[in-house]
Amino acid sequence: MLPARSRLGLLLLGALLTLVLYVLLPATQHGQHSAGARPEERKRGWWAANATVRRGMAAGEPPVFYREVSSGPRASSTASPGRPDVLFLHGQAFTSKTWEALGTLALLAREGHRAVAIDLPGYGDSPPAEMVASAQGRVAFLDRVLQELGMQRPVLISPSMSGRFALPFLLAQGDRLAGFVPIAPVGTKDYAADQYQQVQTPTLILYGDRDTRLGPQALQNLQHLPRHRVAVVPDAGHACYLDKPEDFHRALLGFLRQLK
């Protein structure tokens, strides 16, 4: 039997080895998980890989959750030269996962765009936020999203309910967008023709021909935007991107390719 002093020495040695393993293993694992991420993403705890959820948090505000999909492990970290980033909002019955399920995000990534979809506050993985109760707050929210994602002059895709976010942002900070794609958004009648006429953002007004309510209403108001074009998806309803995804993708890619 070992003397008491020897047993005590072995116990202390075992405790020391356990402490060393506890300190080193997490650091090794973290290095493995962060190897492909950009420096700013590592700092924020983001991971650039397919179908990941991106999270950004502003001081004193609830977290905002982002979902990004690429055509390869690191393809969506940056857009190809001359290809603008594309930010997707969503309608009331949908979330960011809609654009992933349709293959829209992956399709745009293959075309060289950084394509990102977010869950608006109170939808999907995003908690409610009091700041979006007003139009001014919704403008501030999108401003924060663009800052957190590092997006400079993206193209903003806005279907249906998300018009409550996109339209006030367009009118207040349209010069921060390379393009705007409203898909039968709500709220277009809340603004006057002269307000729209002051916006110089290239716009693709898009809707389905079977959307007999919001589609024509949006067109009636948004046609005052001086740099607009119109694309009508045949045999498609309000969520035309769901009814005819190939036609929707074709119209969207055509618009993106013509942007300078």
C-alpha atoms as a PDB file:
ATOM      1  CA  MET A   1       0.000   0.000   0.000  1.00  0.00           C
ATOM      2  CA  LEU A   2       1.297   3.444  -0.899  1.00  0.00           C
ATOM      3  CA  PRO A   3       2.210   5.816   1.932  1.00  0.00           C
ATOM      4  CA  ALA A   4      -0.281   8.594   2.645  1.00  0.00           C
ATOM      5  CA  ARG A   5       2.127  11.190   1.227  1.00  0.00           C
ATOM      6  CA  SER A   6       2.375   9.316  -2.103  1.00  0.00           C
ATOM      7  CA  ARG A   7      -1.406   8.949  -2.393  1.00  0.00           C
ATOM      8  CA  LEU A   8      -1.818  12.669  -1.765  1.00  0.00           C
ATOM      9  CA  GLY A   9       0.741  13.424  -4.474  1.00  0.00           C
ATOM     10  CA  LEU A  10      -1.111  11.268  -7.011  1.00  0.00           C
ATOM     11  CA  LEU A  11      -4.421  12.963  -6.177  1.00  0.00           C
ATOM     12  CA  LEU A  12      -2.890  16.401  -6.681  1.00  0.00           C
ATOM     13  CA  LEU A  13      -1.340  15.314 -10.004  1.00  0.00           C
ATOM     14  CA  GLY A  14      -4.707  13.983 -11.205  1.00  0.00           C
ATOM     15  CA  ALA A  15      -6.438  17.219 -10.250  1.00  0.00           C
ATOM     16  CA  LEU A  16      -3.824  19.246 -12.130  1.00  0.00           C
ATOM     17  CA  LEU A  17      -4.230  17.148 -15.305  1.00  0.00           C
ATOM     18  CA  THR A  18      -8.016  17.531 -15.126  1.00  0.00           C
ATOM     19  CA  LEU A  19      -7.675  21.313 -14.851  1.00  0.00           C
ATOM     20  CA  VAL A  20      -5.312  21.464 -17.864  1.00  0.00           C
ATOM     21  CA  LEU A  21      -7.714  19.407 -20.020  1.00  0.00           C
ATOM     22  CA  TYR A  22     -10.672  21.559 -18.940  1.00  0.00           C
ATOM     23  CA  VAL A  23      -8.884  24.734 -20.033  1.00  0.00           C
ATOM     24  CA  LEU A  24      -7.412  23.473 -23.306  1.00  0.00           C
ATOM     25  CA  LEU A  25     -10.248  21.417 -24.816  1.00  0.00           C
ATOM     26  CA  PRO A  26     -12.861  24.219 -25.167  1.00  0.00           C
ATOM     27  CA  ALA A  27     -10.260  26.471 -26.780  1.00  0.00           C
ATOM     28  CA  THR A  28      -9.369  23.743 -29.280  1.00  0.00           C
ATOM     29  CA  GLN A  29     -13.030  23.117 -30.126  1.00  0.00           C
ATOM     30  CA  HIS A  30     -13.694  26.827 -30.540  1.00  0.00           C
ATOM     31  CA  GLY A  31     -10.752  27.128 -32.922  1.00  0.00           C
ATOM     32  CA  GLN A  32     -12.114  24.281 -35.030  1.00  0.00           C
ATOM     33  CA  HIS A  33     -15.609  25.790 -35.265  1.00  0.00           C
ATOM     34  CA  SER A  34     -14.342  29.290 -36.079  1.00  0.00           C
ATOM     35  CA  ALA A  35     -11.698  28.454 -38.647  1.00  0.00           C
ATOM     36  CA  GLY A  36     -13.789  29.431 -41.694  1.00  0.00           C
ATOM     37  CA  ALA A  37     -15.527  32.484 -40.281  1.00  0.00           C
ATOM     38  CA  ARG A  38     -14.616  36.070 -40.984  1.00  0.00           C
ATOM     39  CA  PRO A  39     -12.905  37.954 -38.096  1.00  0.00           C
ATOM     40  CA  GLU A  40     -15.984  40.064 -37.351  1.00  0.00           C
ATOM     41  CA  GLU A  41     -18.168  36.941 -37.380  1.00  0.00           C
ATOM     42  CA  ARG A  42     -15.854  35.161 -34.934  1.00  0.00           C
ATOM     43  CA  LYS A  43     -16.054  38.191 -32.663  1.00  0.00           C
ATOM     44  CA  ARG A  44     -19.862  38.083 -32.667  1.00  0.00           C
ATOM     45  CA  GLY A  45     -20.060  34.317 -32.398  1.00  0.00           C
ATOM     46  CA  TRP A  46     -21.375  33.866 -35.956  1.00  0.00           C
ATOM     47  CA  TRP A  47     -20.491  30.896 -38.145  1.00  0.00           C
ATOM     48  CA  ALA A  48     -20.486  31.175 -41.945  1.00  0.00           C
ATOM     49  CA  ALA A  49     -21.781  27.863 -43.261  1.00  0.00           C
ATOM     50  CA  ASN A  50     -24.799  26.573 -45.113  1.00  0.00           C
ATOM     51  CA  ALA A  51     -28.210  27.034 -43.529  1.00  0.00           C
ATOM     52  CA  THR A  52     -26.872  28.711 -40.407  1.00  0.00           C
ATOM     53  CA  VAL A  53     -28.704  31.162 -38.198  1.00  0.00           C
ATOM     54  CA  ARG A  54     -26.972  34.498 -37.769  1.00  0.00           C
ATOM     55  CA  ARG A  55     -27.576  36.412 -34.592  1.00  0.00           C
ATOM     56  CA  GLY A  56     -26.931  40.082 -33.922  1.00  0.00           C
ATOM     57  CA  MET A  57     -27.715  41.902 -30.711  1.00  0.00           C
ATOM     58  CA  ALA A  58     -27.790  45.617 -30.086  1.00  0.00           C
ATOM     59  CA  ALA A  59     -27.211  46.902 -26.575  1.00  0.00           C
ATOM     60  CA  GLY A  60     -30.457  46.994 -24.622  1.00  0.00           C
ATOM     61  CA  GLU A  61     -32.497  45.388 -27.415  1.00  0.00           C
ATOM     62  CA  PRO A  62     -33.861  41.860 -27.880  1.00  0.00           C
ATOM     63  CA  PRO A  63     -31.726  39.663 -30.152  1.00  0.00           C
ATOM     64  CA  VAL A  64     -32.439  39.635 -33.868  1.00  0.00           C
ATOM     65  CA  PHE A  65     -31.993  36.309 -35.637  1.00  0.00           C
ATOM     66  CA  TYR A  66     -30.642  35.973 -39.167  1.00  0.00           C
ATOM     67  CA  ARG A  67     -30.632  32.989 -41.503  1.00  0.00           C
ATOM     68  CA  GLU A  68     -28.089  32.775 -44.321  1.00  0.00           C
ATOM     69  CA  VAL A  69     -27.658  30.054 -46.922  1.00  0.00           C
ATOM     70  CA  SER A  70     -24.863  29.678 -49.439  1.00  0.00           C
ATOM     71  CA  SER A  71     -24.051  27.395 -52.330  1.00  0.00           C
ATOM     72  CA  GLY A  72     -20.852  26.325 -50.573  1.00  0.00           C
ATOM     73  CA  PRO A  73     -19.353  26.410 -47.071  1.00  0.00           C
ATOM     74  CA  ARG A  74     -17.893  29.897 -47.509  1.00  0.00           C
ATOM     75  CA  ALA A  75     -19.470  31.151 -50.740  1.00  0.00           C
ATOM     76  CA  SER A  76     -21.854  33.568 -49.063  1.00  0.00           C
ATOM     77  CA  SER A  77     -19.315  35.290 -46.832  1.00  0.00           C
ATOM     78  CA  THR A  78     -18.894  37.998 -49.453  1.00  0.00           C
ATOM     79  CA  ALA A  79     -20.669  38.796 -52.697  1.00  0.00           C
ATOM     80  CA  SER A  80     -18.921  38.618 -56.053  1.00  0.00           C
ATOM     81  CA  PRO A  81     -17.631  41.958 -57.341  1.00  0.00           C
ATOM     82  CA  GLY A  82     -20.463  43.989 -58.828  1.00  0.00           C
ATOM     83  CA  ARG A  83     -23.161  41.733 -57.352  1.00  0.00           C
ATOM     84  CA  PRO A  84     -25.171  43.473 -54.619  1.00  0.00           C
ATOM     85  CA  ASP A  85     -26.191  41.807 -51.387  1.00  0.00           C
ATOM     86  CA  VAL A  86     -29.864  40.830 -51.247  1.00  0.00           C
ATOM     87  CA  LEU A  87     -31.928  41.048 -48.056  1.00  0.00           C
ATOM     88  CA  PHE A  88     -35.233  39.146 -47.903  1.00  0.00           C
ATOM     89  CA  LEU A  89     -38.106  40.083 -45.614  1.00  0.00           C
ATOM     90  CA  HIS A  90     -41.256  37.923 -45.402  1.00  0.00           C
ATOM     91  CA  GLY A  91     -45.041  38.018 -45.285  1.00  0.00           C
ATOM     92  CA  GLN A  92     -47.243  37.546 -42.233  1.00  0.00           C
ATOM     93  CA  ALA A  93     -47.762  33.807 -42.723  1.00  0.00           C
ATOM     94  CA  PHE A  94     -44.091  33.109 -43.466  1.00  0.00           C
ATOM     95  CA  THR A  95     -40.556  33.360 -42.068  1.00  0.00           C
ATOM     96  CA  SER A  96     -36.997  33.403 -43.359  1.00  0.00           C
ATOM     97  CA  LYS A  97     -37.270  29.640 -43.859  1.00  0.00           C
ATOM     98  CA  THR A  98     -39.649  30.258 -46.783  1.00  0.00           C
ATOM     99  CA  TRP A  99     -36.819  31.621 -48.918  1.00  0.00           C
ATOM    100  CA  GLU A 100     -34.595  28.739 -47.911  1.00  0.00           C
ATOM    101  CA  ALA A 101     -37.230  26.119 -48.720  1.00  0.00           C
ATOM    102  CA  LEU A 102     -37.857  27.664 -52.153  1.00  0.00           C
ATOM    103  CA  GLY A 103     -34.150  27.529 -52.937  1.00  0.00           C
ATOM    104  CA  THR A 104     -34.101  31.293 -53.494  1.00  0.00           C
ATOM    105  CA  LEU A 105     -31.167  31.991 -51.191  1.00  0.00           C
ATOM    106  CA  ALA A 106     -29.032  29.193 -52.620  1.00  0.00           C
ATOM    107  CA  LEU A 107     -29.917  30.233 -56.184  1.00  0.00           C
ATOM    108  CA  LEU A 108     -28.787  33.817 -55.598  1.00  0.00           C
ATOM    109  CA  ALA A 109     -25.639  32.623 -53.839  1.00  0.00           C
ATOM    110  CA  ARG A 110     -24.752  30.586 -56.923  1.00  0.00           C
ATOM    111  CA  GLU A 111     -25.206  33.757 -58.968  1.00  0.00           C
ATOM    112  CA  GLY A 112     -22.611  35.501 -56.785  1.00  0.00           C
ATOM    113  CA  HIS A 113     -24.913  37.396 -54.444  1.00  0.00           C
ATOM    114  CA  ARG A 114     -24.794  37.337 -50.693  1.00  0.00           C
ATOM    115  CA  ALA A 115     -28.414  36.406 -50.007  1.00  0.00           C
ATOM    116  CA  VAL A 116     -29.790  36.777 -46.490  1.00  0.00           C
ATOM    117  CA  ALA A 117     -33.292  36.363 -45.073  1.00  0.00           C
ATOM    118  CA  ILE A 118     -34.315  37.565 -41.635  1.00  0.00           C
ATOM    119  CA  ASP A 119     -37.151  36.758 -39.278  1.00  0.00           C
ATOM    120  CA  LEU A 120     -38.917  40.008 -38.469  1.00  0.00           C
ATOM    121  CA  PRO A 121     -39.641  40.710 -34.774  1.00  0.00           C
ATOM    122  CA  GLY A 122     -42.323  38.385 -33.457  1.00  0.00           C
ATOM    123  CA  TYR A 123     -41.938  35.868 -36.296  1.00  0.00           C
ATOM    124  CA  GLY A 124     -39.921  32.685 -36.616  1.00  0.00           C
ATOM    125  CA  ASP A 125     -36.937  32.766 -34.282  1.00  0.00           C
ATOM    126  CA  SER A 126     -37.135  36.496 -33.569  1.00  0.00           C
ATOM    127  CA  PRO A 127     -38.728  37.689 -30.328  1.00  0.00           C
ATOM    128  CA  PRO A 128     -41.142  40.640 -30.347  1.00  0.00           C
ATOM    129  CA  ALA A 129     -39.620  44.118 -30.115  1.00  0.00           C
ATOM    130  CA  GLU A 130     -41.406  47.240 -28.901  1.00  0.00           C
ATOM    131  CA  MET A 131     -39.326  49.458 -31.174  1.00  0.00           C
ATOM    132  CA  VAL A 132     -41.188  48.269 -34.307  1.00  0.00           C
ATOM    133  CA  ALA A 133     -44.557  49.541 -33.070  1.00  0.00           C
ATOM    134  CA  SER A 134     -44.019  52.774 -35.047  1.00  0.00           C
ATOM    135  CA  ALA A 135     -42.861  53.479 -38.600  1.00  0.00           C
ATOM    136  CA  GLN A 136     -39.856  55.350 -37.222  1.00  0.00           C
ATOM    137  CA  GLY A 137     -38.970  52.352 -35.091  1.00  0.00           C
ATOM    138  CA  ARG A 138     -39.233  50.008 -38.071  1.00  0.00           C
ATOM    139  CA  VAL A 139     -36.858  52.244 -40.040  1.00  0.00           C
ATOM    140  CA  ALA A 140     -34.438  52.127 -37.103  1.00  0.00           C
ATOM    141  CA  PHE A 141     -34.813  48.349 -36.983  1.00  0.00           C
ATOM    142  CA  LEU A 142     -33.855  47.852 -40.641  1.00  0.00           C
ATOM    143  CA  ASP A 143     -31.027  50.334 -40.227  1.00  0.00           C
ATOM    144  CA  ARG A 144     -29.727  48.180 -37.361  1.00  0.00           C
ATOM    145  CA  VAL A 145     -30.084  45.011 -39.452  1.00  0.00           C
ATOM    146  CA  LEU A 146     -28.004  46.487 -42.287  1.00  0.00           C
ATOM    147  CA  GLN A 147     -25.341  47.587 -39.819  1.00  0.00           C
ATOM    148  CA  GLU A 148     -25.223  44.233 -38.039  1.00  0.00           C
ATOM    149  CA  LEU A 149     -24.970  42.311 -41.309  1.00  0.00           C
ATOM    150  CA  GLY A 150     -22.453  44.724 -42.795  1.00  0.00           C
ATOM    151  CA  MET A 151     -24.647  45.319 -45.835  1.00  0.00           C
ATOM    152  CA  GLN A 152     -23.894  48.378 -47.932  1.00  0.00           C
ATOM    153  CA  ARG A 153     -26.580  49.250 -50.485  1.00  0.00           C
ATOM    154  CA  PRO A 154     -28.312  45.872 -50.715  1.00  0.00           C
ATOM    155  CA  VAL A 155     -31.391  45.012 -52.733  1.00  0.00           C
ATOM    156  CA  LEU A 156     -34.407  44.779 -50.414  1.00  0.00           C
ATOM    157  CA  ILE A 157     -37.102  42.171 -51.148  1.00  0.00           C
ATOM    158  CA  SER A 158     -40.411  42.977 -49.447  1.00  0.00           C
ATOM    159  CA  PRO A 159     -43.552  40.840 -49.781  1.00  0.00           C
ATOM    160  CA  SER A 160     -46.935  41.641 -48.264  1.00  0.00           C
ATOM    161  CA  MET A 161     -46.842  42.469 -44.525  1.00  0.00           C
ATOM    162  CA  SER A 162     -43.158  43.424 -44.639  1.00  0.00           C
ATOM    163  CA  GLY A 163     -44.150  46.546 -46.556  1.00  0.00           C
ATOM    164  CA  ARG A 164     -44.738  48.072 -43.118  1.00  0.00           C
ATOM    165  CA  PHE A 165     -40.969  47.865 -42.670  1.00  0.00           C
ATOM    166  CA  ALA A 166     -39.684  48.348 -46.198  1.00  0.00           C
ATOM    167  CA  LEU A 167     -41.785  51.302 -47.394  1.00  0.00           C
ATOM    168  CA  PRO A 168     -40.925  53.767 -44.604  1.00  0.00           C
ATOM    169  CA  PHE A 169     -37.274  52.740 -44.939  1.00  0.00           C
ATOM    170  CA  LEU A 170     -37.407  53.261 -48.717  1.00  0.00           C
ATOM    171  CA  LEU A 171     -38.853  56.737 -48.345  1.00  0.00           C
ATOM    172  CA  ALA A 172     -36.499  57.735 -45.529  1.00  0.00           C
ATOM    173  CA  GLN A 173     -33.266  56.053 -46.628  1.00  0.00           C
ATOM    174  CA  GLY A 174     -33.785  54.855 -50.176  1.00  0.00           C
ATOM    175  CA  ASP A 175     -30.283  55.988 -51.136  1.00  0.00           C
ATOM    176  CA  ARG A 176     -28.940  53.151 -48.961  1.00  0.00           C
ATOM    177  CA  LEU A 177     -30.515  50.560 -51.269  1.00  0.00           C
ATOM    178  CA  ALA A 178     -29.189  49.384 -54.623  1.00  0.00           C
ATOM    179  CA  GLY A 179     -32.659  48.152 -55.521  1.00  0.00           C
ATOM    180  CA  PHE A 180     -36.120  47.461 -54.171  1.00  0.00           C
ATOM    181  CA  VAL A 181     -38.453  44.572 -55.025  1.00  0.00           C
ATOM    182  CA  PRO A 182     -41.937  45.028 -53.520  1.00  0.00           C
ATOM    183  CA  ILE A 183     -44.139  41.952 -53.931  1.00  0.00           C
ATOM    184  CA  ALA A 184     -47.698  43.234 -53.405  1.00  0.00           C
ATOM    185  CA  PRO A 185     -46.731  44.921 -50.112  1.00  0.00           C
ATOM    186  CA  VAL A 186     -49.206  46.374 -47.669  1.00  0.00           C
ATOM    187  CA  GLY A 187     -49.190  50.059 -46.764  1.00  0.00           C
ATOM    188  CA  THR A 188     -48.549  51.577 -50.175  1.00  0.00           C
ATOM    189  CA  LYS A 189     -51.639  53.805 -49.909  1.00  0.00           C
ATOM    190  CA  ASP A 190     -50.240  55.435 -46.763  1.00  0.00           C
ATOM    191  CA  TYR A 191     -47.920  57.621 -48.823  1.00  0.00           C
ATOM    192  CA  ALA A 192     -48.580  60.333 -51.398  1.00  0.00           C
ATOM    193  CA  ALA A 193     -47.477  60.368 -55.029  1.00  0.00           C
ATOM    194  CA  ASP A 194     -45.004  63.195 -54.422  1.00  0.00           C
ATOM    195  CA  GLN A 195     -43.297  61.155 -51.673  1.00  0.00           C
ATOM    196  CA  TYR A 196     -42.739  58.270 -54.053  1.00  0.00           C
ATOM    197  CA  GLN A 197     -41.548  60.599 -56.803  1.00  0.00           C
ATOM    198  CA  GLN A 198     -38.595  61.707 -54.677  1.00  0.00           C
ATOM    199  CA  VAL A 199     -37.185  58.155 -54.438  1.00  0.00           C
ATOM    200  CA  GLN A 200     -34.492  57.279 -56.976  1.00  0.00           C
ATOM    201  CA  THR A 201     -34.033  53.611 -55.999  1.00  0.00           C
ATOM    202  CA  PRO A 202     -34.397  51.199 -58.954  1.00  0.00           C
ATOM    203  CA  THR A 203     -37.562  49.187 -58.277  1.00  0.00           C
ATOM    204  CA  LEU A 204     -39.134  46.014 -59.614  1.00  0.00           C
ATOM    205  CA  ILE A 205     -42.872  46.031 -58.852  1.00  0.00           C
ATOM    206  CA  LEU A 206     -43.802  42.363 -58.805  1.00  0.00           C
ATOM    207  CA  TYR A 207     -47.104  40.568 -58.204  1.00  0.00           C
ATOM    208  CA  GLY A 208     -49.220  37.626 -59.344  1.00  0.00           C
ATOM    209  CA  ASP A 209     -51.999  38.171 -61.889  1.00  0.00           C
ATOM    210  CA  ARG A 210     -54.522  36.381 -59.626  1.00  0.00           C
ATOM    211  CA  ASP A 211     -53.825  38.786 -56.766  1.00  0.00           C
ATOM    212  CA  THR A 212     -56.756  41.104 -57.473  1.00  0.00           C
ATOM    213  CA  ARG A 213     -56.519  43.155 -54.277  1.00  0.00           C
ATOM    214  CA  LEU A 214     -53.036  44.046 -53.019  1.00  0.00           C
ATOM    215  CA  GLY A 215     -51.293  43.522 -56.361  1.00  0.00           C
ATOM    216  CA  PRO A 216     -53.189  46.225 -58.312  1.00  0.00           C
ATOM    217  CA  GLN A 217     -53.310  48.488 -55.254  1.00  0.00           C
ATOM    218  CA  ALA A 218     -49.545  48.333 -54.851  1.00  0.00           C
ATOM    219  CA  LEU A 219     -49.033  48.969 -58.561  1.00  0.00           C
ATOM    220  CA  GLN A 220     -51.351  51.994 -58.475  1.00  0.00           C
ATOM    221  CA  ASN A 221     -49.281  53.627 -55.752  1.00  0.00           C
ATOM    222  CA  LEU A 222     -45.768  52.395 -56.475  1.00  0.00           C
ATOM    223  CA  GLN A 223     -45.913  53.357 -60.147  1.00  0.00           C
ATOM    224  CA  HIS A 224     -45.094  56.894 -58.978  1.00  0.00           C
ATOM    225  CA  LEU A 225     -41.558  55.716 -58.237  1.00  0.00           C
ATOM    226  CA  PRO A 226     -39.593  57.265 -61.128  1.00  0.00           C
ATOM    227  CA  ARG A 227     -37.217  54.315 -61.681  1.00  0.00           C
ATOM    228  CA  HIS A 228     -39.622  51.399 -61.650  1.00  0.00           C
ATOM    229  CA  ARG A 229     -40.437  48.466 -63.892  1.00  0.00           C
ATOM    230  CA  VAL A 230     -43.256  45.948 -63.546  1.00  0.00           C
ATOM    231  CA  ALA A 231     -43.267  42.140 -63.664  1.00  0.00           C
ATOM    232  CA  VAL A 232     -46.530  40.207 -63.433  1.00  0.00           C
ATOM    233  CA  VAL A 233     -46.242  36.503 -62.625  1.00  0.00           C
ATOM    234  CA  PRO A 234     -48.856  34.600 -64.673  1.00  0.00           C
ATOM    235  CA  ASP A 235     -51.352  32.288 -63.004  1.00  0.00           C
ATOM    236  CA  ALA A 236     -50.103  33.207 -59.516  1.00  0.00           C
ATOM    237  CA  GLY A 237     -51.807  34.606 -56.456  1.00  0.00           C
ATOM    238  CA  HIS A 238     -50.715  36.912 -53.641  1.00  0.00           C
ATOM    239  CA  ALA A 239     -47.689  34.774 -52.691  1.00  0.00           C
ATOM    240  CA  CYS A 240     -46.630  34.528 -56.323  1.00  0.00           C
ATOM    241  CA  TYR A 241     -43.178  33.257 -55.371  1.00  0.00           C
ATOM    242  CA  LEU A 242     -44.812  30.135 -53.911  1.00  0.00           C
ATOM    243  CA  ASP A 243     -47.222  29.575 -56.804  1.00  0.00           C
ATOM    244  CA  LYS A 244     -44.664  30.052 -59.566  1.00  0.00           C
ATOM    245  CA  PRO A 245     -41.154  30.003 -58.076  1.00  0.00           C
ATOM    246  CA  GLU A 246     -39.400  29.560 -61.426  1.00  0.00           C
ATOM    247  CA  ASP A 247     -41.141  32.596 -62.940  1.00  0.00           C
ATOM    248  CA  PHE A 248     -40.458  34.573 -59.780  1.00  0.00           C
ATOM    249  CA  HIS A 249     -36.776  33.643 -59.790  1.00  0.00           C
ATOM    250  CA  ARG A 250     -36.481  34.507 -63.467  1.00  0.00           C
ATOM    251  CA  ALA A 251     -37.944  37.985 -62.924  1.00  0.00           C
ATOM    252  CA  LEU A 252     -35.820  38.621 -59.843  1.00  0.00           C
ATOM    253  CA  LEU A 253     -32.558  37.509 -61.461  1.00  0.00           C
ATOM    254  CA  GLY A 254     -33.335  39.588 -64.545  1.00  0.00           C
ATOM    255  CA  PHE A 255     -33.728  42.668 -62.355  1.00  0.00           C
ATOM    256  CA  LEU A 256     -30.556  41.988 -60.373  1.00  0.00           C
ATOM    257  CA  ARG A 257     -28.482  41.498 -63.518  1.00  0.00           C
ATOM    258  CA  GLN A 258     -29.519  44.893 -64.860  1.00  0.00           C
ATOM    259  CA  LEU A 259     -28.520  46.773 -61.721  1.00  0.00           C
ATOM    260  CA  LYS A 260     -25.266  48.726 -61.966  1.00  0.00           C
END
